[in-house]
């Protein structure tokens, strides 16, 4: 049994039914779910006032107990408003003493990267309450990979990746592409060199994905990495105007501009089927003609103590 502590630092949870279903599922599986009062909270488009949402994050520094999983209710927008006021030193000190297993994705990327930049704190980019645990049916792949990441100090992902053969090692980091790019030039962008950057997004046309990736290229981020892994880009269908331009042709163009390997095909992002990645963990990426593997280690996990 694990104890889930909910946070809602971003958008209002418009699908209250899904969130309630997620809570019920977790409880029926034997877990405790606390801080449920954040689910219906609302201020304009946000999951509460800035002060309320900020308190969700800062209160984690004094959260007692072991085996606590901190789970974001949903993404949306709002976490960027909080970055200047987060008590980073207190939260980082808490994580160094006894790390909470903090999980979320999408808008939450900016807080995850802030923790990594300022304190080398590893968090998990993975499912959230409403969209994943609260789906009409939980995706078995997603659920398996969530617990695999949180329970195993070392694990390997395998998929049929597309890209050049390579064998590289480095810090795995990244998350949502659009949110990641908003951190350029700020204190919350990690300065990671020789890393393995993993990115995904939703509702961004292929040319917008290209533009965001070129921004990272022009800023010198991509050239400092050992490899770039691209996950899913939901809602990125081309239209008639594109005349053959698509995600695949964009990938081809990107590879022509980069000297590092670009590997695609990982189930990671705003999909029912997604892996969970410990951001800040050590990774070993191997891509061959037969398969692609990414082995991750060095991240916090649930202990056996109840």
C-alpha atoms as a PDB file:
ATOM      1  CA  UNK A   1       0.000   0.000   0.000  1.00  0.00           C
ATOM      2  CA  UNK A   2       1.236   3.492  -0.842  1.00  0.00           C
ATOM      3  CA  UNK A   3       0.090   6.908   0.273  1.00  0.00           C
ATOM      4  CA  UNK A   4      -0.764   9.340  -2.524  1.00  0.00           C
ATOM      5  CA  UNK A   5      -0.676  13.061  -1.750  1.00  0.00           C
ATOM      6  CA  UNK A   6      -2.467  15.126  -4.388  1.00  0.00           C
ATOM      7  CA  UNK A   7      -1.320  18.513  -5.640  1.00  0.00           C
ATOM      8  CA  UNK A   8      -2.980  20.832  -8.160  1.00  0.00           C
ATOM      9  CA  UNK A   9      -0.474  23.539  -9.148  1.00  0.00           C
ATOM     10  CA  UNK A  10      -1.879  24.183 -12.628  1.00  0.00           C
ATOM     11  CA  UNK A  11      -5.289  24.194 -14.311  1.00  0.00           C
ATOM     12  CA  UNK A  12      -8.731  23.524 -12.876  1.00  0.00           C
ATOM     13  CA  UNK A  13      -9.719  19.873 -13.188  1.00  0.00           C
ATOM     14  CA  UNK A  14     -12.622  20.230 -15.593  1.00  0.00           C
ATOM     15  CA  UNK A  15     -13.276  16.474 -15.596  1.00  0.00           C
ATOM     16  CA  UNK A  16     -14.290  16.040 -11.979  1.00  0.00           C
ATOM     17  CA  UNK A  17     -15.778  12.624 -12.747  1.00  0.00           C
ATOM     18  CA  UNK A  18     -12.440  11.336 -13.995  1.00  0.00           C
ATOM     19  CA  UNK A  19     -10.605  12.657 -10.937  1.00  0.00           C
ATOM     20  CA  UNK A  20     -13.113  10.986  -8.603  1.00  0.00           C
ATOM     21  CA  UNK A  21     -12.766   7.770 -10.575  1.00  0.00           C
ATOM     22  CA  UNK A  22      -8.992   7.966 -10.203  1.00  0.00           C
ATOM     23  CA  UNK A  23      -9.269   8.343  -6.434  1.00  0.00           C
ATOM     24  CA  UNK A  24     -11.673   5.417  -6.215  1.00  0.00           C
ATOM     25  CA  UNK A  25      -9.390   3.202  -8.298  1.00  0.00           C
ATOM     26  CA  UNK A  26      -6.359   3.946  -6.181  1.00  0.00           C
ATOM     27  CA  UNK A  27      -8.293   3.361  -2.957  1.00  0.00           C
ATOM     28  CA  UNK A  28      -9.764   0.107  -4.235  1.00  0.00           C
ATOM     29  CA  UNK A  29      -6.216  -1.027  -4.990  1.00  0.00           C
ATOM     30  CA  UNK A  30      -5.396  -0.531  -1.311  1.00  0.00           C
ATOM     31  CA  UNK A  31      -3.730   2.887  -1.458  1.00  0.00           C
ATOM     32  CA  UNK A  32      -4.550   5.969   0.595  1.00  0.00           C
ATOM     33  CA  UNK A  33      -5.263   9.228  -1.221  1.00  0.00           C
ATOM     34  CA  UNK A  34      -4.915  12.401   0.806  1.00  0.00           C
ATOM     35  CA  UNK A  35      -5.366  16.112   0.092  1.00  0.00           C
ATOM     36  CA  UNK A  36      -8.402  15.411  -2.101  1.00  0.00           C
ATOM     37  CA  UNK A  37      -9.742  18.892  -1.398  1.00  0.00           C
ATOM     38  CA  UNK A  38      -7.572  20.243  -4.225  1.00  0.00           C
ATOM     39  CA  UNK A  39      -9.649  18.422  -6.858  1.00  0.00           C
ATOM     40  CA  UNK A  40     -12.731  20.728  -6.917  1.00  0.00           C
ATOM     41  CA  UNK A  41     -10.787  23.883  -6.051  1.00  0.00           C
ATOM     42  CA  UNK A  42     -11.112  26.616  -8.695  1.00  0.00           C
ATOM     43  CA  UNK A  43     -10.160  30.231  -9.355  1.00  0.00           C
ATOM     44  CA  UNK A  44     -10.841  31.352 -12.935  1.00  0.00           C
ATOM     45  CA  UNK A  45      -9.112  28.739 -15.129  1.00  0.00           C
ATOM     46  CA  UNK A  46      -6.761  27.673 -12.360  1.00  0.00           C
ATOM     47  CA  UNK A  47      -6.984  24.974  -9.669  1.00  0.00           C
ATOM     48  CA  UNK A  48      -7.236  27.603  -6.971  1.00  0.00           C
ATOM     49  CA  UNK A  49      -5.629  30.968  -6.344  1.00  0.00           C
ATOM     50  CA  UNK A  50      -1.920  31.418  -6.896  1.00  0.00           C
ATOM     51  CA  UNK A  51      -1.456  31.336  -3.106  1.00  0.00           C
ATOM     52  CA  UNK A  52      -3.372  28.073  -2.763  1.00  0.00           C
ATOM     53  CA  UNK A  53      -1.518  26.383  -5.579  1.00  0.00           C
ATOM     54  CA  UNK A  54       1.822  27.679  -4.303  1.00  0.00           C
ATOM     55  CA  UNK A  55       1.025  26.239  -0.885  1.00  0.00           C
ATOM     56  CA  UNK A  56       0.506  22.823  -2.522  1.00  0.00           C
ATOM     57  CA  UNK A  57       4.152  22.905  -3.524  1.00  0.00           C
ATOM     58  CA  UNK A  58       5.740  24.627  -0.522  1.00  0.00           C
ATOM     59  CA  UNK A  59       3.857  22.407   1.952  1.00  0.00           C
ATOM     60  CA  UNK A  60       5.677  19.395   0.528  1.00  0.00           C
ATOM     61  CA  UNK A  61       8.786  20.542   2.428  1.00  0.00           C
ATOM     62  CA  UNK A  62       7.124  19.620   5.731  1.00  0.00           C
ATOM     63  CA  UNK A  63       5.118  16.616   4.568  1.00  0.00           C
ATOM     64  CA  UNK A  64       5.785  13.812   7.039  1.00  0.00           C
ATOM     65  CA  UNK A  65       5.925  10.089   6.481  1.00  0.00           C
ATOM     66  CA  UNK A  66       7.595   7.616   4.171  1.00  0.00           C
ATOM     67  CA  UNK A  67       6.510   5.988   0.924  1.00  0.00           C
ATOM     68  CA  UNK A  68       4.597   9.084  -0.126  1.00  0.00           C
ATOM     69  CA  UNK A  69       3.809   9.540  -3.799  1.00  0.00           C
ATOM     70  CA  UNK A  70       3.041  13.136  -4.737  1.00  0.00           C
ATOM     71  CA  UNK A  71       0.690  13.075  -7.711  1.00  0.00           C
ATOM     72  CA  UNK A  72      -0.442  16.034  -9.797  1.00  0.00           C
ATOM     73  CA  UNK A  73      -4.178  16.086 -10.509  1.00  0.00           C
ATOM     74  CA  UNK A  74      -3.736  17.446 -14.028  1.00  0.00           C
ATOM     75  CA  UNK A  75      -1.701  19.848 -16.169  1.00  0.00           C
ATOM     76  CA  UNK A  76      -3.076  22.832 -18.041  1.00  0.00           C
ATOM     77  CA  UNK A  77      -1.427  26.150 -17.213  1.00  0.00           C
ATOM     78  CA  UNK A  78      -0.476  27.847 -13.978  1.00  0.00           C
ATOM     79  CA  UNK A  79       2.770  26.392 -12.623  1.00  0.00           C
ATOM     80  CA  UNK A  80       4.853  29.105 -14.330  1.00  0.00           C
ATOM     81  CA  UNK A  81       3.178  31.710 -12.113  1.00  0.00           C
ATOM     82  CA  UNK A  82       4.593  30.014  -9.028  1.00  0.00           C
ATOM     83  CA  UNK A  83       8.263  29.612  -9.890  1.00  0.00           C
ATOM     84  CA  UNK A  84       9.560  32.823  -8.276  1.00  0.00           C
ATOM     85  CA  UNK A  85       7.761  32.155  -4.984  1.00  0.00           C
ATOM     86  CA  UNK A  86       8.488  28.462  -4.473  1.00  0.00           C
ATOM     87  CA  UNK A  87      10.630  27.825  -1.393  1.00  0.00           C
ATOM     88  CA  UNK A  88      13.199  25.885  -3.371  1.00  0.00           C
ATOM     89  CA  UNK A  89      15.792  25.512  -0.553  1.00  0.00           C
ATOM     90  CA  UNK A  90      13.234  24.012   1.858  1.00  0.00           C
ATOM     91  CA  UNK A  91      11.820  21.656  -0.743  1.00  0.00           C
ATOM     92  CA  UNK A  92      15.272  20.553  -1.890  1.00  0.00           C
ATOM     93  CA  UNK A  93      16.376  19.958   1.712  1.00  0.00           C
ATOM     94  CA  UNK A  94      13.291  17.777   2.257  1.00  0.00           C
ATOM     95  CA  UNK A  95      14.113  15.748  -0.822  1.00  0.00           C
ATOM     96  CA  UNK A  96      17.707  15.263   0.278  1.00  0.00           C
ATOM     97  CA  UNK A  97      16.571  13.953   3.680  1.00  0.00           C
ATOM     98  CA  UNK A  98      13.835  11.590   2.558  1.00  0.00           C
ATOM     99  CA  UNK A  99      12.692  12.009  -1.037  1.00  0.00           C
ATOM    100  CA  UNK A 100       9.048  12.173  -1.939  1.00  0.00           C
ATOM    101  CA  UNK A 101       8.240  10.415  -5.200  1.00  0.00           C
ATOM    102  CA  UNK A 102       6.869  13.347  -7.184  1.00  0.00           C
ATOM    103  CA  UNK A 103       5.029  12.509 -10.394  1.00  0.00           C
ATOM    104  CA  UNK A 104       3.325  14.520 -13.127  1.00  0.00           C
ATOM    105  CA  UNK A 105       3.866  15.865 -16.618  1.00  0.00           C
ATOM    106  CA  UNK A 106       2.796  18.589 -19.048  1.00  0.00           C
ATOM    107  CA  UNK A 107       2.642  22.003 -17.291  1.00  0.00           C
ATOM    108  CA  UNK A 108       4.305  20.412 -14.255  1.00  0.00           C
ATOM    109  CA  UNK A 109       7.538  20.162 -16.284  1.00  0.00           C
ATOM    110  CA  UNK A 110       8.625  23.644 -15.188  1.00  0.00           C
ATOM    111  CA  UNK A 111       8.584  22.682 -11.502  1.00  0.00           C
ATOM    112  CA  UNK A 112      10.329  19.393 -12.227  1.00  0.00           C
ATOM    113  CA  UNK A 113      13.092  21.174 -14.139  1.00  0.00           C
ATOM    114  CA  UNK A 114      13.391  23.794 -11.386  1.00  0.00           C
ATOM    115  CA  UNK A 115      14.003  21.081  -8.813  1.00  0.00           C
ATOM    116  CA  UNK A 116      16.575  19.468 -11.071  1.00  0.00           C
ATOM    117  CA  UNK A 117      18.315  22.762 -11.852  1.00  0.00           C
ATOM    118  CA  UNK A 118      18.524  24.091  -8.297  1.00  0.00           C
ATOM    119  CA  UNK A 119      18.936  20.918  -6.265  1.00  0.00           C
ATOM    120  CA  UNK A 120      19.560  17.973  -8.562  1.00  0.00           C
ATOM    121  CA  UNK A 121      16.223  16.579  -7.361  1.00  0.00           C
ATOM    122  CA  UNK A 122      14.893  13.654  -9.394  1.00  0.00           C
ATOM    123  CA  UNK A 123      11.146  13.590 -10.120  1.00  0.00           C
ATOM    124  CA  UNK A 124       9.023  11.335 -12.317  1.00  0.00           C
ATOM    125  CA  UNK A 125       7.455  12.349 -15.596  1.00  0.00           C
ATOM    126  CA  UNK A 126       4.463  10.067 -15.780  1.00  0.00           C
ATOM    127  CA  UNK A 127       0.732   9.656 -15.252  1.00  0.00           C
ATOM    128  CA  UNK A 128      -1.542  12.060 -13.403  1.00  0.00           C
ATOM    129  CA  UNK A 129      -4.749  11.530 -11.463  1.00  0.00           C
ATOM    130  CA  UNK A 130      -7.504  12.659 -13.823  1.00  0.00           C
ATOM    131  CA  UNK A 131      -6.146  11.891 -17.268  1.00  0.00           C
ATOM    132  CA  UNK A 132      -4.525   8.550 -16.508  1.00  0.00           C
ATOM    133  CA  UNK A 133      -5.687   6.935 -13.274  1.00  0.00           C
ATOM    134  CA  UNK A 134      -9.121   8.436 -13.866  1.00  0.00           C
ATOM    135  CA  UNK A 135      -9.530   7.318 -17.462  1.00  0.00           C
ATOM    136  CA  UNK A 136     -12.578   5.223 -18.276  1.00  0.00           C
ATOM    137  CA  UNK A 137     -10.213   2.261 -18.348  1.00  0.00           C
ATOM    138  CA  UNK A 138      -6.683   2.397 -16.987  1.00  0.00           C
ATOM    139  CA  UNK A 139      -4.062   1.558 -19.577  1.00  0.00           C
ATOM    140  CA  UNK A 140      -2.218  -1.565 -18.410  1.00  0.00           C
ATOM    141  CA  UNK A 141       1.014  -0.463 -20.104  1.00  0.00           C
ATOM    142  CA  UNK A 142       0.930   2.897 -18.339  1.00  0.00           C
ATOM    143  CA  UNK A 143       0.123   1.424 -14.941  1.00  0.00           C
ATOM    144  CA  UNK A 144       2.846  -1.212 -15.261  1.00  0.00           C
ATOM    145  CA  UNK A 145       5.490   1.333 -16.230  1.00  0.00           C
ATOM    146  CA  UNK A 146       4.457   3.691 -13.421  1.00  0.00           C
ATOM    147  CA  UNK A 147       5.029   1.092 -10.713  1.00  0.00           C
ATOM    148  CA  UNK A 148       8.109  -0.238 -12.484  1.00  0.00           C
ATOM    149  CA  UNK A 149       9.756   3.171 -12.247  1.00  0.00           C
ATOM    150  CA  UNK A 150       8.721   3.810  -8.628  1.00  0.00           C
ATOM    151  CA  UNK A 151       9.667   0.382  -7.283  1.00  0.00           C
ATOM    152  CA  UNK A 152      12.851  -0.564  -9.146  1.00  0.00           C
ATOM    153  CA  UNK A 153      16.189   1.207  -8.610  1.00  0.00           C
ATOM    154  CA  UNK A 154      17.147   0.104 -12.110  1.00  0.00           C
ATOM    155  CA  UNK A 155      14.886  -0.782 -15.023  1.00  0.00           C
ATOM    156  CA  UNK A 156      14.979  -0.925 -18.809  1.00  0.00           C
ATOM    157  CA  UNK A 157      12.539   0.387 -21.388  1.00  0.00           C
ATOM    158  CA  UNK A 158      12.483  -1.263 -24.797  1.00  0.00           C
ATOM    159  CA  UNK A 159      10.775  -0.117 -27.976  1.00  0.00           C
ATOM    160  CA  UNK A 160      11.150  -0.197 -31.758  1.00  0.00           C
ATOM    161  CA  UNK A 161      12.910   3.122 -32.140  1.00  0.00           C
ATOM    162  CA  UNK A 162      13.760   4.906 -35.353  1.00  0.00           C
ATOM    163  CA  UNK A 163      17.149   6.553 -35.723  1.00  0.00           C
ATOM    164  CA  UNK A 164      20.853   5.848 -36.076  1.00  0.00           C
ATOM    165  CA  UNK A 165      22.572   3.097 -34.166  1.00  0.00           C
ATOM    166  CA  UNK A 166      24.130   4.466 -31.021  1.00  0.00           C
ATOM    167  CA  UNK A 167      25.270   3.638 -27.505  1.00  0.00           C
ATOM    168  CA  UNK A 168      25.407   6.613 -25.144  1.00  0.00           C
ATOM    169  CA  UNK A 169      25.109   7.343 -21.426  1.00  0.00           C
ATOM    170  CA  UNK A 170      24.050  10.473 -19.570  1.00  0.00           C
ATOM    171  CA  UNK A 171      21.512  12.190 -17.348  1.00  0.00           C
ATOM    172  CA  UNK A 172      17.955  11.709 -18.575  1.00  0.00           C
ATOM    173  CA  UNK A 173      15.972  14.939 -18.470  1.00  0.00           C
ATOM    174  CA  UNK A 174      13.285  16.901 -20.312  1.00  0.00           C
ATOM    175  CA  UNK A 175       9.497  16.565 -20.344  1.00  0.00           C
ATOM    176  CA  UNK A 176       6.983  18.700 -22.193  1.00  0.00           C
ATOM    177  CA  UNK A 177       8.660  20.549 -25.058  1.00  0.00           C
ATOM    178  CA  UNK A 178       6.690  23.807 -24.929  1.00  0.00           C
ATOM    179  CA  UNK A 179       7.031  24.142 -21.156  1.00  0.00           C
ATOM    180  CA  UNK A 180      10.694  23.140 -21.295  1.00  0.00           C
ATOM    181  CA  UNK A 181      11.384  25.941 -23.762  1.00  0.00           C
ATOM    182  CA  UNK A 182       9.764  28.557 -21.530  1.00  0.00           C
ATOM    183  CA  UNK A 183      12.641  28.014 -19.083  1.00  0.00           C
ATOM    184  CA  UNK A 184      15.381  29.085 -21.496  1.00  0.00           C
ATOM    185  CA  UNK A 185      17.347  31.944 -19.935  1.00  0.00           C
ATOM    186  CA  UNK A 186      15.839  31.390 -16.476  1.00  0.00           C
ATOM    187  CA  UNK A 187      17.318  29.961 -13.245  1.00  0.00           C
ATOM    188  CA  UNK A 188      15.002  26.956 -13.569  1.00  0.00           C
ATOM    189  CA  UNK A 189      16.610  25.538 -16.727  1.00  0.00           C
ATOM    190  CA  UNK A 190      19.103  22.811 -15.760  1.00  0.00           C
ATOM    191  CA  UNK A 191      22.608  23.127 -17.163  1.00  0.00           C
ATOM    192  CA  UNK A 192      22.986  19.498 -18.186  1.00  0.00           C
ATOM    193  CA  UNK A 193      25.724  18.516 -20.569  1.00  0.00           C
ATOM    194  CA  UNK A 194      26.243  15.109 -22.159  1.00  0.00           C
ATOM    195  CA  UNK A 195      22.678  14.227 -21.208  1.00  0.00           C
ATOM    196  CA  UNK A 196      19.879  12.286 -22.873  1.00  0.00           C
ATOM    197  CA  UNK A 197      17.090  14.775 -23.541  1.00  0.00           C
ATOM    198  CA  UNK A 198      13.568  13.318 -23.840  1.00  0.00           C
ATOM    199  CA  UNK A 199      10.747  15.534 -25.101  1.00  0.00           C
ATOM    200  CA  UNK A 200       7.028  15.262 -25.964  1.00  0.00           C
ATOM    201  CA  UNK A 201       4.075  17.564 -26.585  1.00  0.00           C
ATOM    202  CA  UNK A 202       0.404  17.833 -27.474  1.00  0.00           C
ATOM    203  CA  UNK A 203      -1.603  19.917 -29.956  1.00  0.00           C
ATOM    204  CA  UNK A 204       1.479  21.375 -31.601  1.00  0.00           C
ATOM    205  CA  UNK A 205       1.560  21.243 -35.398  1.00  0.00           C
ATOM    206  CA  UNK A 206       4.735  19.635 -36.821  1.00  0.00           C
ATOM    207  CA  UNK A 207       6.109  23.045 -37.847  1.00  0.00           C
ATOM    208  CA  UNK A 208       5.645  24.312 -34.297  1.00  0.00           C
ATOM    209  CA  UNK A 209       7.464  21.256 -32.935  1.00  0.00           C
ATOM    210  CA  UNK A 210      10.261  21.990 -35.399  1.00  0.00           C
ATOM    211  CA  UNK A 211      10.372  25.645 -34.365  1.00  0.00           C
ATOM    212  CA  UNK A 212      10.615  24.735 -30.683  1.00  0.00           C
ATOM    213  CA  UNK A 213      13.372  22.198 -31.345  1.00  0.00           C
ATOM    214  CA  UNK A 214      15.278  24.698 -33.482  1.00  0.00           C
ATOM    215  CA  UNK A 215      15.073  27.153 -30.595  1.00  0.00           C
ATOM    216  CA  UNK A 216      16.849  24.568 -28.430  1.00  0.00           C
ATOM    217  CA  UNK A 217      19.385  24.058 -31.203  1.00  0.00           C
ATOM    218  CA  UNK A 218      20.036  27.782 -31.569  1.00  0.00           C
ATOM    219  CA  UNK A 219      20.332  28.141 -27.782  1.00  0.00           C
ATOM    220  CA  UNK A 220      23.069  25.491 -27.734  1.00  0.00           C
ATOM    221  CA  UNK A 221      21.074  22.999 -25.652  1.00  0.00           C
ATOM    222  CA  UNK A 222      20.895  20.201 -28.215  1.00  0.00           C
ATOM    223  CA  UNK A 223      24.543  20.318 -29.229  1.00  0.00           C
ATOM    224  CA  UNK A 224      25.533  19.722 -25.590  1.00  0.00           C
ATOM    225  CA  UNK A 225      23.567  16.462 -25.342  1.00  0.00           C
ATOM    226  CA  UNK A 226      24.594  12.906 -26.117  1.00  0.00           C
ATOM    227  CA  UNK A 227      21.215  12.054 -27.661  1.00  0.00           C
ATOM    228  CA  UNK A 228      17.693  13.358 -28.210  1.00  0.00           C
ATOM    229  CA  UNK A 229      14.679  11.063 -27.720  1.00  0.00           C
ATOM    230  CA  UNK A 230      11.340  12.253 -29.058  1.00  0.00           C
ATOM    231  CA  UNK A 231       8.199  10.781 -27.542  1.00  0.00           C
ATOM    232  CA  UNK A 232       4.631  11.249 -28.717  1.00  0.00           C
ATOM    233  CA  UNK A 233       3.315  14.448 -30.269  1.00  0.00           C
ATOM    234  CA  UNK A 234      -0.441  14.063 -29.945  1.00  0.00           C
ATOM    235  CA  UNK A 235      -2.643  16.174 -32.187  1.00  0.00           C
ATOM    236  CA  UNK A 236       0.160  16.925 -34.650  1.00  0.00           C
ATOM    237  CA  UNK A 237      -1.605  15.838 -37.831  1.00  0.00           C
ATOM    238  CA  UNK A 238      -0.556  17.735 -40.976  1.00  0.00           C
ATOM    239  CA  UNK A 239      -3.100  19.493 -43.198  1.00  0.00           C
ATOM    240  CA  UNK A 240      -3.514  20.154 -46.919  1.00  0.00           C
ATOM    241  CA  UNK A 241      -1.290  23.222 -46.778  1.00  0.00           C
ATOM    242  CA  UNK A 242       1.638  21.092 -45.576  1.00  0.00           C
ATOM    243  CA  UNK A 243       1.826  19.341 -48.945  1.00  0.00           C
ATOM    244  CA  UNK A 244       3.730  16.338 -47.598  1.00  0.00           C
ATOM    245  CA  UNK A 245       5.370  18.027 -44.607  1.00  0.00           C
ATOM    246  CA  UNK A 246       4.783  15.891 -41.510  1.00  0.00           C
ATOM    247  CA  UNK A 247       6.365  14.850 -38.235  1.00  0.00           C
ATOM    248  CA  UNK A 248       8.408  12.264 -40.125  1.00  0.00           C
ATOM    249  CA  UNK A 249       9.794  14.801 -42.619  1.00  0.00           C
ATOM    250  CA  UNK A 250      10.462  17.174 -39.731  1.00  0.00           C
ATOM    251  CA  UNK A 251      12.438  14.433 -37.973  1.00  0.00           C
ATOM    252  CA  UNK A 252      14.475  13.923 -41.138  1.00  0.00           C
ATOM    253  CA  UNK A 253      15.238  17.645 -41.348  1.00  0.00           C
ATOM    254  CA  UNK A 254      16.198  17.782 -37.672  1.00  0.00           C
ATOM    255  CA  UNK A 255      18.623  14.888 -38.090  1.00  0.00           C
ATOM    256  CA  UNK A 256      20.273  16.784 -40.952  1.00  0.00           C
ATOM    257  CA  UNK A 257      20.944  19.683 -38.573  1.00  0.00           C
ATOM    258  CA  UNK A 258      22.194  17.704 -35.584  1.00  0.00           C
ATOM    259  CA  UNK A 259      25.326  15.697 -34.962  1.00  0.00           C
ATOM    260  CA  UNK A 260      23.760  13.794 -32.073  1.00  0.00           C
ATOM    261  CA  UNK A 261      21.437  10.806 -32.608  1.00  0.00           C
ATOM    262  CA  UNK A 262      17.704  11.576 -32.705  1.00  0.00           C
ATOM    263  CA  UNK A 263      15.640   8.549 -31.663  1.00  0.00           C
ATOM    264  CA  UNK A 264      11.859   8.500 -32.081  1.00  0.00           C
ATOM    265  CA  UNK A 265       9.021   6.121 -31.266  1.00  0.00           C
ATOM    266  CA  UNK A 266       9.032   6.114 -27.458  1.00  0.00           C
ATOM    267  CA  UNK A 267       5.559   5.869 -25.873  1.00  0.00           C
ATOM    268  CA  UNK A 268       5.969   8.961 -23.711  1.00  0.00           C
ATOM    269  CA  UNK A 269       3.624  11.902 -23.450  1.00  0.00           C
ATOM    270  CA  UNK A 270      -0.020  12.920 -23.557  1.00  0.00           C
ATOM    271  CA  UNK A 271      -1.334   9.497 -24.493  1.00  0.00           C
ATOM    272  CA  UNK A 272      -3.233   6.804 -22.649  1.00  0.00           C
ATOM    273  CA  UNK A 273      -0.159   4.618 -23.213  1.00  0.00           C
ATOM    274  CA  UNK A 274       2.962   6.184 -21.696  1.00  0.00           C
ATOM    275  CA  UNK A 275       6.099   5.210 -19.843  1.00  0.00           C
ATOM    276  CA  UNK A 276       7.237   6.877 -16.617  1.00  0.00           C
ATOM    277  CA  UNK A 277      10.682   8.477 -16.679  1.00  0.00           C
ATOM    278  CA  UNK A 278      12.740   9.537 -13.639  1.00  0.00           C
ATOM    279  CA  UNK A 279      14.009  12.959 -14.723  1.00  0.00           C
ATOM    280  CA  UNK A 280      17.560  13.409 -13.468  1.00  0.00           C
ATOM    281  CA  UNK A 281      18.352   9.692 -13.311  1.00  0.00           C
ATOM    282  CA  UNK A 282      21.256   8.120 -15.133  1.00  0.00           C
ATOM    283  CA  UNK A 283      20.432   6.585 -18.473  1.00  0.00           C
ATOM    284  CA  UNK A 284      22.075   4.224 -20.925  1.00  0.00           C
ATOM    285  CA  UNK A 285      20.599   4.415 -24.422  1.00  0.00           C
ATOM    286  CA  UNK A 286      21.324   1.687 -26.967  1.00  0.00           C
ATOM    287  CA  UNK A 287      19.776   1.797 -30.421  1.00  0.00           C
ATOM    288  CA  UNK A 288      20.379  -1.046 -32.871  1.00  0.00           C
ATOM    289  CA  UNK A 289      18.633  -2.344 -35.957  1.00  0.00           C
ATOM    290  CA  UNK A 290      16.815  -4.835 -33.732  1.00  0.00           C
ATOM    291  CA  UNK A 291      15.522  -2.592 -30.925  1.00  0.00           C
ATOM    292  CA  UNK A 292      16.020   0.454 -28.722  1.00  0.00           C
ATOM    293  CA  UNK A 293      16.637   0.234 -24.978  1.00  0.00           C
ATOM    294  CA  UNK A 294      16.945   2.886 -22.300  1.00  0.00           C
ATOM    295  CA  UNK A 295      18.178   1.678 -18.904  1.00  0.00           C
ATOM    296  CA  UNK A 296      17.558   4.048 -15.985  1.00  0.00           C
ATOM    297  CA  UNK A 297      19.085   4.030 -12.517  1.00  0.00           C
ATOM    298  CA  UNK A 298      19.969   6.229  -9.559  1.00  0.00           C
ATOM    299  CA  UNK A 299      16.430   7.466  -8.823  1.00  0.00           C
ATOM    300  CA  UNK A 300      14.523   7.229  -5.524  1.00  0.00           C
ATOM    301  CA  UNK A 301      12.094   4.340  -5.136  1.00  0.00           C
ATOM    302  CA  UNK A 302       9.459   3.117  -2.711  1.00  0.00           C
ATOM    303  CA  UNK A 303      10.919   1.332   0.272  1.00  0.00           C
ATOM    304  CA  UNK A 304       9.666  -1.961   1.667  1.00  0.00           C
ATOM    305  CA  UNK A 305       8.848  -0.280   4.976  1.00  0.00           C
ATOM    306  CA  UNK A 306       5.118   0.353   5.453  1.00  0.00           C
END
